[in-house]
Amino acid sequence: MTHSARIRRAALAAGTVTALAATLFTAAGAYADTAPAAAPDIDVKAVKADLDQLQSIADANGGNRAHGQPGYKASVDFIKGKLDQAGFTTQVQEFDNNGAKGYNLVADWPGGDESKTVMTGAHLDSVDAGPGINDNGSGSAGILEVALAVAKSDFKPAKHLRFGWWGDEEDGMVGSKHYVDSLAQGDRSKIDSYLNFDMIGSPNPGYFVYDDDARLEKVFKDWYATKNIATEPETEGDGRSDHASFKDAGIPVGGLFSGADYIKTEAQAKAWGGTAGKAFDACYHQSCDTSKNIDDTALDNNSDAIANALWQLSS
């Protein structure tokens, strides 16, 4: 995030009165005190450690973390434990679908204007076929480490911060729809923006930015521009993830995506590296979507971009 400029003077001109100098320096200090802090760098090793834990959970529970399966609830418990320890106020919201109980996990950081809530979310469930480490352990772990960075930095944003981990996205955004439907109309209007992160570490990655809301899109595009990373609008999967639940309720949405089962073009490979003619994630919705199915650089860049957006939008 861009820092506000600090007033600097190398020396006072001859004859300048001391009172004027003191006034200038006092004003400079007051202005600097109000400048929003830069977002911290998110340690990709910590994000990968979370992914390893989600992999272990799947391994211990039939190979997946799907809705209605014990691996999903264990995933909720794992993330909730870390958030509780960090000082978040957490709530587990229950719902039923296809004869099985589902769970959303919602975490609020104390403070900030709740009439202007910045919300960040990711679905936590996998498909039945595999552990779902890129889809969507990557987004879930990325926003978890951003949330923990909020706590570690003792960030005091002007706007309220809320994080959500959604259940049963794979059956049609069931958990996030349940959450939005549970909000009174007045509470929906308090959500300033919703940022969604579904697959941010694809092994043959692209850098796609949701183009639903120009203000939110610009925050992400500007950050990537500072890193000399080209971006494209995310259109292929529009409406296929949890942002659709919020968008349909009139809430501004944004987010990131690193690609699923469709094919990387020659132009995209030239811009981003990787292999043209192959899928962004050849293990999409398969048993091979394991902790080995991750590009560390994409995971790192996208996690940092999430933090930057959150700090900018909530300050």
C-alpha atoms as a PDB file:
ATOM      1  CA  MET A   1       0.000   0.000   0.000  1.00  0.00           C
ATOM      2  CA  THR A   2       1.240   3.447  -0.850  1.00  0.00           C
ATOM      3  CA  HIS A   3       2.440   5.425   2.161  1.00  0.00           C
ATOM      4  CA  SER A   4       1.295   9.030   2.596  1.00  0.00           C
ATOM      5  CA  ALA A   5       4.199  11.405   2.034  1.00  0.00           C
ATOM      6  CA  ARG A   6       5.840  12.782   5.134  1.00  0.00           C
ATOM      7  CA  ILE A   7       6.675  16.472   5.317  1.00  0.00           C
ATOM      8  CA  ARG A   8      10.438  16.838   5.242  1.00  0.00           C
ATOM      9  CA  ARG A   9      12.654  19.883   5.412  1.00  0.00           C
ATOM     10  CA  ALA A  10      16.436  19.731   5.373  1.00  0.00           C
ATOM     11  CA  ALA A  11      16.876  23.022   7.204  1.00  0.00           C
ATOM     12  CA  LEU A  12      14.914  26.080   8.179  1.00  0.00           C
ATOM     13  CA  ALA A  13      15.524  29.203   6.146  1.00  0.00           C
ATOM     14  CA  ALA A  14      17.442  31.932   7.925  1.00  0.00           C
ATOM     15  CA  GLY A  15      15.191  34.093   9.978  1.00  0.00           C
ATOM     16  CA  THR A  16      12.294  31.581  10.123  1.00  0.00           C
ATOM     17  CA  VAL A  17      10.673  31.823  13.481  1.00  0.00           C
ATOM     18  CA  THR A  18      10.868  28.849  15.832  1.00  0.00           C
ATOM     19  CA  ALA A  19       7.112  28.824  16.322  1.00  0.00           C
ATOM     20  CA  LEU A  20       6.484  28.343  12.610  1.00  0.00           C
ATOM     21  CA  ALA A  21       8.988  25.465  12.468  1.00  0.00           C
ATOM     22  CA  ALA A  22       7.348  23.771  15.423  1.00  0.00           C
ATOM     23  CA  THR A  23       3.951  24.124  13.803  1.00  0.00           C
ATOM     24  CA  LEU A  24       5.158  22.551  10.576  1.00  0.00           C
ATOM     25  CA  PHE A  25       6.790  19.590  12.273  1.00  0.00           C
ATOM     26  CA  THR A  26       3.824  19.026  14.545  1.00  0.00           C
ATOM     27  CA  ALA A  27       1.500  18.992  11.560  1.00  0.00           C
ATOM     28  CA  ALA A  28       3.787  16.555   9.786  1.00  0.00           C
ATOM     29  CA  GLY A  29       3.749  14.196  12.732  1.00  0.00           C
ATOM     30  CA  ALA A  30      -0.025  14.359  13.048  1.00  0.00           C
ATOM     31  CA  TYR A  31      -0.411  13.598   9.348  1.00  0.00           C
ATOM     32  CA  ALA A  32       1.989  10.667   9.531  1.00  0.00           C
ATOM     33  CA  ASP A  33       0.123   9.234  12.497  1.00  0.00           C
ATOM     34  CA  THR A  34      -3.033   8.985  10.395  1.00  0.00           C
ATOM     35  CA  ALA A  35      -1.339   7.269   7.450  1.00  0.00           C
ATOM     36  CA  PRO A  36      -2.522   3.659   7.071  1.00  0.00           C
ATOM     37  CA  ALA A  37       0.088   1.014   7.720  1.00  0.00           C
ATOM     38  CA  ALA A  38       1.357  -1.136   4.874  1.00  0.00           C
ATOM     39  CA  ALA A  39       0.133  -4.709   4.719  1.00  0.00           C
ATOM     40  CA  PRO A  40       2.626  -7.278   6.016  1.00  0.00           C
ATOM     41  CA  ASP A  41       4.213  -9.878   3.797  1.00  0.00           C
ATOM     42  CA  ILE A  42       2.384 -13.183   4.195  1.00  0.00           C
ATOM     43  CA  ASP A  43       4.808 -16.041   4.790  1.00  0.00           C
ATOM     44  CA  VAL A  44       4.099 -18.638   2.106  1.00  0.00           C
ATOM     45  CA  LYS A  45       5.703 -21.277   4.324  1.00  0.00           C
ATOM     46  CA  ALA A  46       2.939 -20.699   6.859  1.00  0.00           C
ATOM     47  CA  VAL A  47       0.287 -20.998   4.140  1.00  0.00           C
ATOM     48  CA  LYS A  48       1.854 -24.265   2.969  1.00  0.00           C
ATOM     49  CA  ALA A  49       1.981 -25.569   6.544  1.00  0.00           C
ATOM     50  CA  ASP A  50      -1.778 -25.025   6.725  1.00  0.00           C
ATOM     51  CA  LEU A  51      -2.177 -26.915   3.452  1.00  0.00           C
ATOM     52  CA  ASP A  52      -0.118 -29.770   4.857  1.00  0.00           C
ATOM     53  CA  GLN A  53      -2.484 -29.891   7.818  1.00  0.00           C
ATOM     54  CA  LEU A  54      -5.517 -29.993   5.527  1.00  0.00           C
ATOM     55  CA  GLN A  55      -3.828 -32.805   3.594  1.00  0.00           C
ATOM     56  CA  SER A  56      -3.269 -34.709   6.847  1.00  0.00           C
ATOM     57  CA  ILE A  57      -6.913 -34.218   7.758  1.00  0.00           C
ATOM     58  CA  ALA A  58      -8.002 -35.662   4.412  1.00  0.00           C
ATOM     59  CA  ASP A  59      -5.575 -38.565   4.743  1.00  0.00           C
ATOM     60  CA  ALA A  60      -7.055 -39.425   8.127  1.00  0.00           C
ATOM     61  CA  ASN A  61     -10.649 -39.180   6.884  1.00  0.00           C
ATOM     62  CA  GLY A  62     -11.078 -41.239   3.760  1.00  0.00           C
ATOM     63  CA  GLY A  63      -9.022 -39.031   1.448  1.00  0.00           C
ATOM     64  CA  ASN A  64     -11.322 -36.007   1.256  1.00  0.00           C
ATOM     65  CA  ARG A  65     -12.772 -33.027   3.120  1.00  0.00           C
ATOM     66  CA  ALA A  66     -16.170 -33.042   1.441  1.00  0.00           C
ATOM     67  CA  HIS A  67     -19.554 -31.861   2.720  1.00  0.00           C
ATOM     68  CA  GLY A  68     -21.075 -34.337   5.124  1.00  0.00           C
ATOM     69  CA  GLN A  69     -17.778 -36.145   5.632  1.00  0.00           C
ATOM     70  CA  PRO A  70     -15.686 -36.104   8.843  1.00  0.00           C
ATOM     71  CA  GLY A  71     -12.757 -34.482   7.045  1.00  0.00           C
ATOM     72  CA  TYR A  72     -14.773 -31.340   6.466  1.00  0.00           C
ATOM     73  CA  LYS A  73     -15.737 -30.846  10.109  1.00  0.00           C
ATOM     74  CA  ALA A  74     -12.127 -31.550  11.128  1.00  0.00           C
ATOM     75  CA  SER A  75     -11.035 -28.809   8.726  1.00  0.00           C
ATOM     76  CA  VAL A  76     -13.453 -26.360  10.355  1.00  0.00           C
ATOM     77  CA  ASP A  77     -12.168 -27.303  13.811  1.00  0.00           C
ATOM     78  CA  PHE A  78      -8.549 -26.817  12.715  1.00  0.00           C
ATOM     79  CA  ILE A  79      -9.103 -23.304  11.368  1.00  0.00           C
ATOM     80  CA  LYS A  80     -11.421 -22.286  14.200  1.00  0.00           C
ATOM     81  CA  GLY A  81      -8.796 -23.286  16.774  1.00  0.00           C
ATOM     82  CA  LYS A  82      -6.175 -21.036  15.198  1.00  0.00           C
ATOM     83  CA  LEU A  83      -8.573 -18.100  14.972  1.00  0.00           C
ATOM     84  CA  ASP A  84      -9.805 -18.476  18.542  1.00  0.00           C
ATOM     85  CA  GLN A  85      -6.250 -18.516  19.812  1.00  0.00           C
ATOM     86  CA  ALA A  86      -5.470 -15.353  17.819  1.00  0.00           C
ATOM     87  CA  GLY A  87      -8.328 -13.387  19.385  1.00  0.00           C
ATOM     88  CA  PHE A  88     -11.063 -13.589  16.762  1.00  0.00           C
ATOM     89  CA  THR A  89     -14.722 -13.976  17.665  1.00  0.00           C
ATOM     90  CA  THR A  90     -15.819 -17.101  15.811  1.00  0.00           C
ATOM     91  CA  GLN A  91     -19.192 -18.618  15.020  1.00  0.00           C
ATOM     92  CA  VAL A  92     -20.012 -21.957  13.422  1.00  0.00           C
ATOM     93  CA  GLN A  93     -23.223 -21.743  11.419  1.00  0.00           C
ATOM     94  CA  GLU A  94     -25.009 -25.017  10.682  1.00  0.00           C
ATOM     95  CA  PHE A  95     -27.149 -25.906   7.673  1.00  0.00           C
ATOM     96  CA  ASP A  96     -28.448 -29.082   6.033  1.00  0.00           C
ATOM     97  CA  ASN A  97     -28.085 -30.230   2.448  1.00  0.00           C
ATOM     98  CA  ASN A  98     -28.511 -33.601   0.761  1.00  0.00           C
ATOM     99  CA  GLY A  99     -29.340 -35.204   4.090  1.00  0.00           C
ATOM    100  CA  ALA A 100     -26.079 -34.105   5.717  1.00  0.00           C
ATOM    101  CA  LYS A 101     -25.159 -31.328   8.108  1.00  0.00           C
ATOM    102  CA  GLY A 102     -22.916 -28.583   6.778  1.00  0.00           C
ATOM    103  CA  TYR A 103     -20.966 -25.848   8.505  1.00  0.00           C
ATOM    104  CA  ASN A 104     -19.869 -22.302   7.789  1.00  0.00           C
ATOM    105  CA  LEU A 105     -17.166 -20.746   9.934  1.00  0.00           C
ATOM    106  CA  VAL A 106     -17.358 -16.965  10.405  1.00  0.00           C
ATOM    107  CA  ALA A 107     -14.686 -14.973  12.247  1.00  0.00           C
ATOM    108  CA  ASP A 108     -14.826 -11.308  13.263  1.00  0.00           C
ATOM    109  CA  TRP A 109     -11.870  -9.168  14.248  1.00  0.00           C
ATOM    110  CA  PRO A 110     -12.887  -6.878  17.145  1.00  0.00           C
ATOM    111  CA  GLY A 111     -13.335  -3.200  16.328  1.00  0.00           C
ATOM    112  CA  GLY A 112     -13.925  -1.169  13.223  1.00  0.00           C
ATOM    113  CA  ASP A 113     -17.145   0.307  11.890  1.00  0.00           C
ATOM    114  CA  GLU A 114     -19.579  -2.586  11.541  1.00  0.00           C
ATOM    115  CA  SER A 115     -21.763  -0.526   9.205  1.00  0.00           C
ATOM    116  CA  LYS A 116     -18.836  -0.762   6.759  1.00  0.00           C
ATOM    117  CA  THR A 117     -17.694  -4.365   6.953  1.00  0.00           C
ATOM    118  CA  VAL A 118     -15.018  -5.717   4.634  1.00  0.00           C
ATOM    119  CA  MET A 119     -15.567  -9.449   4.281  1.00  0.00           C
ATOM    120  CA  THR A 120     -13.132 -12.016   2.916  1.00  0.00           C
ATOM    121  CA  GLY A 121     -14.139 -15.595   2.165  1.00  0.00           C
ATOM    122  CA  ALA A 122     -13.205 -18.968   0.684  1.00  0.00           C
ATOM    123  CA  HIS A 123     -14.907 -22.334   0.501  1.00  0.00           C
ATOM    124  CA  LEU A 124     -13.361 -24.972   2.727  1.00  0.00           C
ATOM    125  CA  ASP A 125     -14.907 -28.155   1.319  1.00  0.00           C
ATOM    126  CA  SER A 126     -13.391 -30.486  -1.247  1.00  0.00           C
ATOM    127  CA  VAL A 127     -15.117 -32.806  -3.672  1.00  0.00           C
ATOM    128  CA  ASP A 128     -15.551 -36.456  -2.656  1.00  0.00           C
ATOM    129  CA  ALA A 129     -12.815 -37.535  -5.074  1.00  0.00           C
ATOM    130  CA  GLY A 130      -9.861 -35.974  -3.281  1.00  0.00           C
ATOM    131  CA  PRO A 131      -8.392 -33.734  -0.582  1.00  0.00           C
ATOM    132  CA  GLY A 132      -8.997 -30.478  -2.448  1.00  0.00           C
ATOM    133  CA  ILE A 133      -5.714 -28.771  -1.584  1.00  0.00           C
ATOM    134  CA  ASN A 134      -5.710 -26.259  -4.428  1.00  0.00           C
ATOM    135  CA  ASP A 135      -9.522 -26.338  -4.659  1.00  0.00           C
ATOM    136  CA  ASN A 136      -9.890 -24.851  -2.195  1.00  0.00           C
ATOM    137  CA  GLY A 137      -7.415 -25.415   0.563  1.00  0.00           C
ATOM    138  CA  SER A 138      -5.314 -22.732  -1.123  1.00  0.00           C
ATOM    139  CA  GLY A 139      -7.873 -19.954  -0.729  1.00  0.00           C
ATOM    140  CA  SER A 140      -8.835 -21.149   2.748  1.00  0.00           C
ATOM    141  CA  ALA A 141      -5.226 -21.211   3.953  1.00  0.00           C
ATOM    142  CA  GLY A 142      -4.419 -17.924   2.256  1.00  0.00           C
ATOM    143  CA  ILE A 143      -7.162 -15.992   4.026  1.00  0.00           C
ATOM    144  CA  LEU A 144      -6.394 -17.792   7.299  1.00  0.00           C
ATOM    145  CA  GLU A 145      -2.825 -16.503   7.254  1.00  0.00           C
ATOM    146  CA  VAL A 146      -4.030 -13.014   6.331  1.00  0.00           C
ATOM    147  CA  ALA A 147      -6.414 -13.141   9.300  1.00  0.00           C
ATOM    148  CA  LEU A 148      -3.591 -14.263  11.571  1.00  0.00           C
ATOM    149  CA  ALA A 149      -1.444 -11.414  10.213  1.00  0.00           C
ATOM    150  CA  VAL A 150      -4.201  -8.999  11.266  1.00  0.00           C
ATOM    151  CA  ALA A 151      -3.929 -10.350  14.798  1.00  0.00           C
ATOM    152  CA  LYS A 152      -0.115 -10.413  14.881  1.00  0.00           C
ATOM    153  CA  SER A 153       0.122  -6.805  13.712  1.00  0.00           C
ATOM    154  CA  ASP A 154      -2.689  -5.718  16.049  1.00  0.00           C
ATOM    155  CA  PHE A 155      -4.227  -4.010  13.027  1.00  0.00           C
ATOM    156  CA  LYS A 156      -6.921  -1.478  13.947  1.00  0.00           C
ATOM    157  CA  PRO A 157      -8.772  -0.781  10.701  1.00  0.00           C
ATOM    158  CA  ALA A 158     -11.415   1.897  10.351  1.00  0.00           C
ATOM    159  CA  LYS A 159     -13.820  -0.653   8.861  1.00  0.00           C
ATOM    160  CA  HIS A 160     -14.845  -3.922  10.488  1.00  0.00           C
ATOM    161  CA  LEU A 161     -13.158  -7.125   9.282  1.00  0.00           C
ATOM    162  CA  ARG A 162     -14.957 -10.437   8.849  1.00  0.00           C
ATOM    163  CA  PHE A 163     -13.711 -13.713   7.389  1.00  0.00           C
ATOM    164  CA  GLY A 164     -15.777 -16.664   6.186  1.00  0.00           C
ATOM    165  CA  TRP A 165     -15.016 -20.296   5.359  1.00  0.00           C
ATOM    166  CA  TRP A 166     -17.949 -21.765   3.455  1.00  0.00           C
ATOM    167  CA  GLY A 167     -19.306 -25.277   3.481  1.00  0.00           C
ATOM    168  CA  ASP A 168     -20.689 -27.229   0.532  1.00  0.00           C
ATOM    169  CA  GLU A 169     -19.623 -24.896  -2.250  1.00  0.00           C
ATOM    170  CA  GLU A 170     -19.118 -27.912  -4.471  1.00  0.00           C
ATOM    171  CA  ASP A 171     -22.876 -28.620  -4.537  1.00  0.00           C
ATOM    172  CA  GLY A 172     -23.679 -25.107  -5.719  1.00  0.00           C
ATOM    173  CA  MET A 173     -22.499 -22.506  -3.178  1.00  0.00           C
ATOM    174  CA  VAL A 174     -24.884 -23.923  -0.582  1.00  0.00           C
ATOM    175  CA  GLY A 175     -23.066 -22.639   2.518  1.00  0.00           C
ATOM    176  CA  SER A 176     -22.507 -19.098   1.313  1.00  0.00           C
ATOM    177  CA  LYS A 177     -26.090 -18.840   0.078  1.00  0.00           C
ATOM    178  CA  HIS A 178     -27.261 -19.965   3.500  1.00  0.00           C
ATOM    179  CA  TYR A 179     -25.114 -17.308   5.158  1.00  0.00           C
ATOM    180  CA  VAL A 180     -26.351 -14.484   2.921  1.00  0.00           C
ATOM    181  CA  ASP A 181     -29.962 -15.639   3.266  1.00  0.00           C
ATOM    182  CA  SER A 182     -29.578 -15.601   7.058  1.00  0.00           C
ATOM    183  CA  LEU A 183     -28.668 -11.904   7.049  1.00  0.00           C
ATOM    184  CA  ALA A 184     -31.380  -9.320   7.499  1.00  0.00           C
ATOM    185  CA  GLN A 185     -31.545  -6.797   4.658  1.00  0.00           C
ATOM    186  CA  GLY A 186     -30.054  -4.159   6.936  1.00  0.00           C
ATOM    187  CA  ASP A 187     -27.115  -6.418   7.744  1.00  0.00           C
ATOM    188  CA  ARG A 188     -26.468  -7.100   4.064  1.00  0.00           C
ATOM    189  CA  SER A 189     -26.221  -3.367   3.453  1.00  0.00           C
ATOM    190  CA  LYS A 190     -23.481  -3.159   6.096  1.00  0.00           C
ATOM    191  CA  ILE A 191     -21.133  -5.297   3.988  1.00  0.00           C
ATOM    192  CA  ASP A 192     -18.978  -2.782   2.156  1.00  0.00           C
ATOM    193  CA  SER A 193     -17.371  -5.460  -0.003  1.00  0.00           C
ATOM    194  CA  TYR A 194     -16.921  -9.208  -0.258  1.00  0.00           C
ATOM    195  CA  LEU A 195     -13.640 -10.652  -1.545  1.00  0.00           C
ATOM    196  CA  ASN A 196     -13.604 -14.290  -2.686  1.00  0.00           C
ATOM    197  CA  PHE A 197     -10.596 -16.576  -3.121  1.00  0.00           C
ATOM    198  CA  ASP A 198     -11.194 -19.924  -4.802  1.00  0.00           C
ATOM    199  CA  MET A 199      -8.006 -21.616  -6.088  1.00  0.00           C
ATOM    200  CA  ILE A 200      -4.990 -19.318  -5.689  1.00  0.00           C
ATOM    201  CA  GLY A 201      -2.134 -21.813  -6.079  1.00  0.00           C
ATOM    202  CA  SER A 202      -2.780 -23.653  -9.343  1.00  0.00           C
ATOM    203  CA  PRO A 203       0.275 -25.607 -10.540  1.00  0.00           C
ATOM    204  CA  ASN A 204       0.244 -24.066 -14.054  1.00  0.00           C
ATOM    205  CA  PRO A 205      -1.034 -20.733 -12.798  1.00  0.00           C
ATOM    206  CA  GLY A 206      -2.626 -17.669 -14.275  1.00  0.00           C
ATOM    207  CA  TYR A 207      -3.446 -14.395 -12.554  1.00  0.00           C
ATOM    208  CA  PHE A 208      -7.147 -13.692 -12.954  1.00  0.00           C
ATOM    209  CA  VAL A 209      -8.896 -10.789 -11.211  1.00  0.00           C
ATOM    210  CA  TYR A 210     -12.664 -10.646 -10.783  1.00  0.00           C
ATOM    211  CA  ASP A 211     -14.057  -7.759 -12.847  1.00  0.00           C
ATOM    212  CA  ASP A 212     -17.445  -7.495 -11.114  1.00  0.00           C
ATOM    213  CA  ASP A 213     -16.728  -4.234  -9.269  1.00  0.00           C
ATOM    214  CA  ALA A 214     -14.348  -1.619 -10.718  1.00  0.00           C
ATOM    215  CA  ARG A 215     -13.219  -0.295  -7.328  1.00  0.00           C
ATOM    216  CA  LEU A 216     -12.264  -3.723  -6.005  1.00  0.00           C
ATOM    217  CA  GLU A 217     -10.764  -4.847  -9.314  1.00  0.00           C
ATOM    218  CA  LYS A 218      -8.487  -1.793  -9.354  1.00  0.00           C
ATOM    219  CA  VAL A 219      -7.045  -2.558  -5.913  1.00  0.00           C
ATOM    220  CA  PHE A 220      -5.834  -5.954  -7.106  1.00  0.00           C
ATOM    221  CA  LYS A 221      -4.707  -4.861 -10.578  1.00  0.00           C
ATOM    222  CA  ASP A 222      -2.715  -1.956  -9.183  1.00  0.00           C
ATOM    223  CA  TRP A 223      -0.896  -4.255  -6.746  1.00  0.00           C
ATOM    224  CA  TYR A 224       0.027  -6.757  -9.466  1.00  0.00           C
ATOM    225  CA  ALA A 225       1.212  -3.882 -11.663  1.00  0.00           C
ATOM    226  CA  THR A 226       3.739  -2.933  -8.980  1.00  0.00           C
ATOM    227  CA  LYS A 227       5.087  -6.498  -9.214  1.00  0.00           C
ATOM    228  CA  ASN A 228       5.143  -6.435 -13.040  1.00  0.00           C
ATOM    229  CA  ILE A 229       2.614  -9.272 -13.118  1.00  0.00           C
ATOM    230  CA  ALA A 230       0.081  -9.173 -15.938  1.00  0.00           C
ATOM    231  CA  THR A 231      -3.547  -9.941 -15.063  1.00  0.00           C
ATOM    232  CA  GLU A 232      -6.651 -10.930 -16.966  1.00  0.00           C
ATOM    233  CA  PRO A 233     -10.322 -10.532 -16.035  1.00  0.00           C
ATOM    234  CA  GLU A 234     -11.822 -13.648 -14.488  1.00  0.00           C
ATOM    235  CA  THR A 235     -14.744 -14.560 -16.731  1.00  0.00           C
ATOM    236  CA  GLU A 236     -14.493 -18.336 -17.211  1.00  0.00           C
ATOM    237  CA  GLY A 237     -15.713 -19.203 -13.724  1.00  0.00           C
ATOM    238  CA  ASP A 238     -17.991 -16.223 -13.108  1.00  0.00           C
ATOM    239  CA  GLY A 239     -20.940 -17.313 -10.981  1.00  0.00           C
ATOM    240  CA  ARG A 240     -19.299 -20.641 -10.141  1.00  0.00           C
ATOM    241  CA  SER A 241     -18.008 -19.697  -6.697  1.00  0.00           C
ATOM    242  CA  ASP A 242     -19.233 -18.136  -3.486  1.00  0.00           C
ATOM    243  CA  HIS A 243     -18.982 -14.524  -4.617  1.00  0.00           C
ATOM    244  CA  ALA A 244     -22.142 -15.212  -6.639  1.00  0.00           C
ATOM    245  CA  SER A 245     -24.154 -15.550  -3.416  1.00  0.00           C
ATOM    246  CA  PHE A 246     -23.088 -12.057  -2.370  1.00  0.00           C
ATOM    247  CA  LYS A 247     -23.335 -10.512  -5.828  1.00  0.00           C
ATOM    248  CA  ASP A 248     -26.900 -11.757  -6.192  1.00  0.00           C
ATOM    249  CA  ALA A 249     -27.725  -9.922  -2.948  1.00  0.00           C
ATOM    250  CA  GLY A 250     -26.381  -6.634  -4.314  1.00  0.00           C
ATOM    251  CA  ILE A 251     -23.081  -6.701  -2.409  1.00  0.00           C
ATOM    252  CA  PRO A 252     -19.958  -5.503  -4.294  1.00  0.00           C
ATOM    253  CA  VAL A 253     -17.621  -8.439  -4.944  1.00  0.00           C
ATOM    254  CA  GLY A 254     -14.022  -8.956  -5.985  1.00  0.00           C
ATOM    255  CA  GLY A 255     -11.452 -11.702  -5.849  1.00  0.00           C
ATOM    256  CA  LEU A 256      -8.644 -13.713  -7.402  1.00  0.00           C
ATOM    257  CA  PHE A 257      -8.343 -17.004  -9.248  1.00  0.00           C
ATOM    258  CA  SER A 258      -5.331 -18.912 -10.611  1.00  0.00           C
ATOM    259  CA  GLY A 259      -7.169 -21.195 -13.056  1.00  0.00           C
ATOM    260  CA  ALA A 260      -8.905 -24.568 -13.108  1.00  0.00           C
ATOM    261  CA  ASP A 261      -9.333 -27.227 -15.787  1.00  0.00           C
ATOM    262  CA  TYR A 262      -9.368 -25.090 -18.920  1.00  0.00           C
ATOM    263  CA  ILE A 263      -6.284 -24.715 -21.089  1.00  0.00           C
ATOM    264  CA  LYS A 264      -3.502 -22.124 -20.865  1.00  0.00           C
ATOM    265  CA  THR A 265      -2.910 -20.375 -24.179  1.00  0.00           C
ATOM    266  CA  GLU A 266       0.419 -19.515 -25.793  1.00  0.00           C
ATOM    267  CA  ALA A 267      -0.119 -15.846 -24.952  1.00  0.00           C
ATOM    268  CA  GLN A 268      -0.862 -16.677 -21.322  1.00  0.00           C
ATOM    269  CA  ALA A 269       2.234 -18.875 -21.051  1.00  0.00           C
ATOM    270  CA  LYS A 270       4.322 -16.035 -22.479  1.00  0.00           C
ATOM    271  CA  ALA A 271       2.888 -13.621 -19.900  1.00  0.00           C
ATOM    272  CA  TRP A 272       2.933 -15.920 -16.870  1.00  0.00           C
ATOM    273  CA  GLY A 273       5.278 -18.778 -17.605  1.00  0.00           C
ATOM    274  CA  GLY A 274       4.166 -22.355 -17.278  1.00  0.00           C
ATOM    275  CA  THR A 275       3.045 -24.647 -20.069  1.00  0.00           C
ATOM    276  CA  ALA A 276       0.773 -23.684 -22.940  1.00  0.00           C
ATOM    277  CA  GLY A 277      -1.680 -26.318 -24.102  1.00  0.00           C
ATOM    278  CA  LYS A 278      -2.118 -27.753 -20.611  1.00  0.00           C
ATOM    279  CA  ALA A 279      -4.712 -27.057 -17.950  1.00  0.00           C
ATOM    280  CA  PHE A 280      -4.069 -24.490 -15.253  1.00  0.00           C
ATOM    281  CA  ASP A 281      -4.861 -27.310 -12.820  1.00  0.00           C
ATOM    282  CA  ALA A 282      -4.905 -30.766 -14.390  1.00  0.00           C
ATOM    283  CA  CYS A 283      -5.865 -32.238 -10.984  1.00  0.00           C
ATOM    284  CA  TYR A 284      -9.007 -30.119 -10.647  1.00  0.00           C
ATOM    285  CA  HIS A 285     -11.653 -32.170  -8.801  1.00  0.00           C
ATOM    286  CA  GLN A 286      -9.433 -35.263  -8.799  1.00  0.00           C
ATOM    287  CA  SER A 287      -7.613 -37.353  -6.220  1.00  0.00           C
ATOM    288  CA  CYS A 288      -4.280 -35.818  -7.272  1.00  0.00           C
ATOM    289  CA  ASP A 289      -5.290 -32.396  -5.915  1.00  0.00           C
ATOM    290  CA  THR A 290      -2.869 -32.887  -3.031  1.00  0.00           C
ATOM    291  CA  SER A 291      -0.336 -30.701  -1.255  1.00  0.00           C
ATOM    292  CA  LYS A 292       2.012 -31.393  -4.221  1.00  0.00           C
ATOM    293  CA  ASN A 293      -0.509 -29.766  -6.578  1.00  0.00           C
ATOM    294  CA  ILE A 294       0.521 -26.185  -5.711  1.00  0.00           C
ATOM    295  CA  ASP A 295       2.682 -23.525  -7.340  1.00  0.00           C
ATOM    296  CA  ASP A 296       4.479 -21.777  -4.469  1.00  0.00           C
ATOM    297  CA  THR A 297       5.066 -18.536  -6.359  1.00  0.00           C
ATOM    298  CA  ALA A 298       1.407 -18.085  -7.264  1.00  0.00           C
ATOM    299  CA  LEU A 299       0.369 -18.987  -3.735  1.00  0.00           C
ATOM    300  CA  ASP A 300       2.814 -16.424  -2.340  1.00  0.00           C
ATOM    301  CA  ASN A 301       1.859 -13.629  -4.736  1.00  0.00           C
ATOM    302  CA  ASN A 302      -1.857 -14.142  -4.288  1.00  0.00           C
ATOM    303  CA  SER A 303      -1.656 -14.332  -0.482  1.00  0.00           C
ATOM    304  CA  ASP A 304       0.244 -11.034  -0.441  1.00  0.00           C
ATOM    305  CA  ALA A 305      -2.296  -9.497  -2.823  1.00  0.00           C
ATOM    306  CA  ILE A 306      -5.111 -10.513  -0.463  1.00  0.00           C
ATOM    307  CA  ALA A 307      -3.388  -8.838   2.463  1.00  0.00           C
ATOM    308  CA  ASN A 308      -2.750  -5.667   0.491  1.00  0.00           C
ATOM    309  CA  ALA A 309      -6.387  -5.456  -0.590  1.00  0.00           C
ATOM    310  CA  LEU A 310      -7.651  -5.999   2.917  1.00  0.00           C
ATOM    311  CA  TRP A 311      -5.402  -3.315   4.395  1.00  0.00           C
ATOM    312  CA  GLN A 312      -6.293  -0.818   1.676  1.00  0.00           C
ATOM    313  CA  LEU A 313     -10.037  -1.399   1.663  1.00  0.00           C
ATOM    314  CA  SER A 314     -10.464  -1.355   5.447  1.00  0.00           C
ATOM    315  CA  SER A 315      -8.186   1.536   6.432  1.00  0.00           C
END
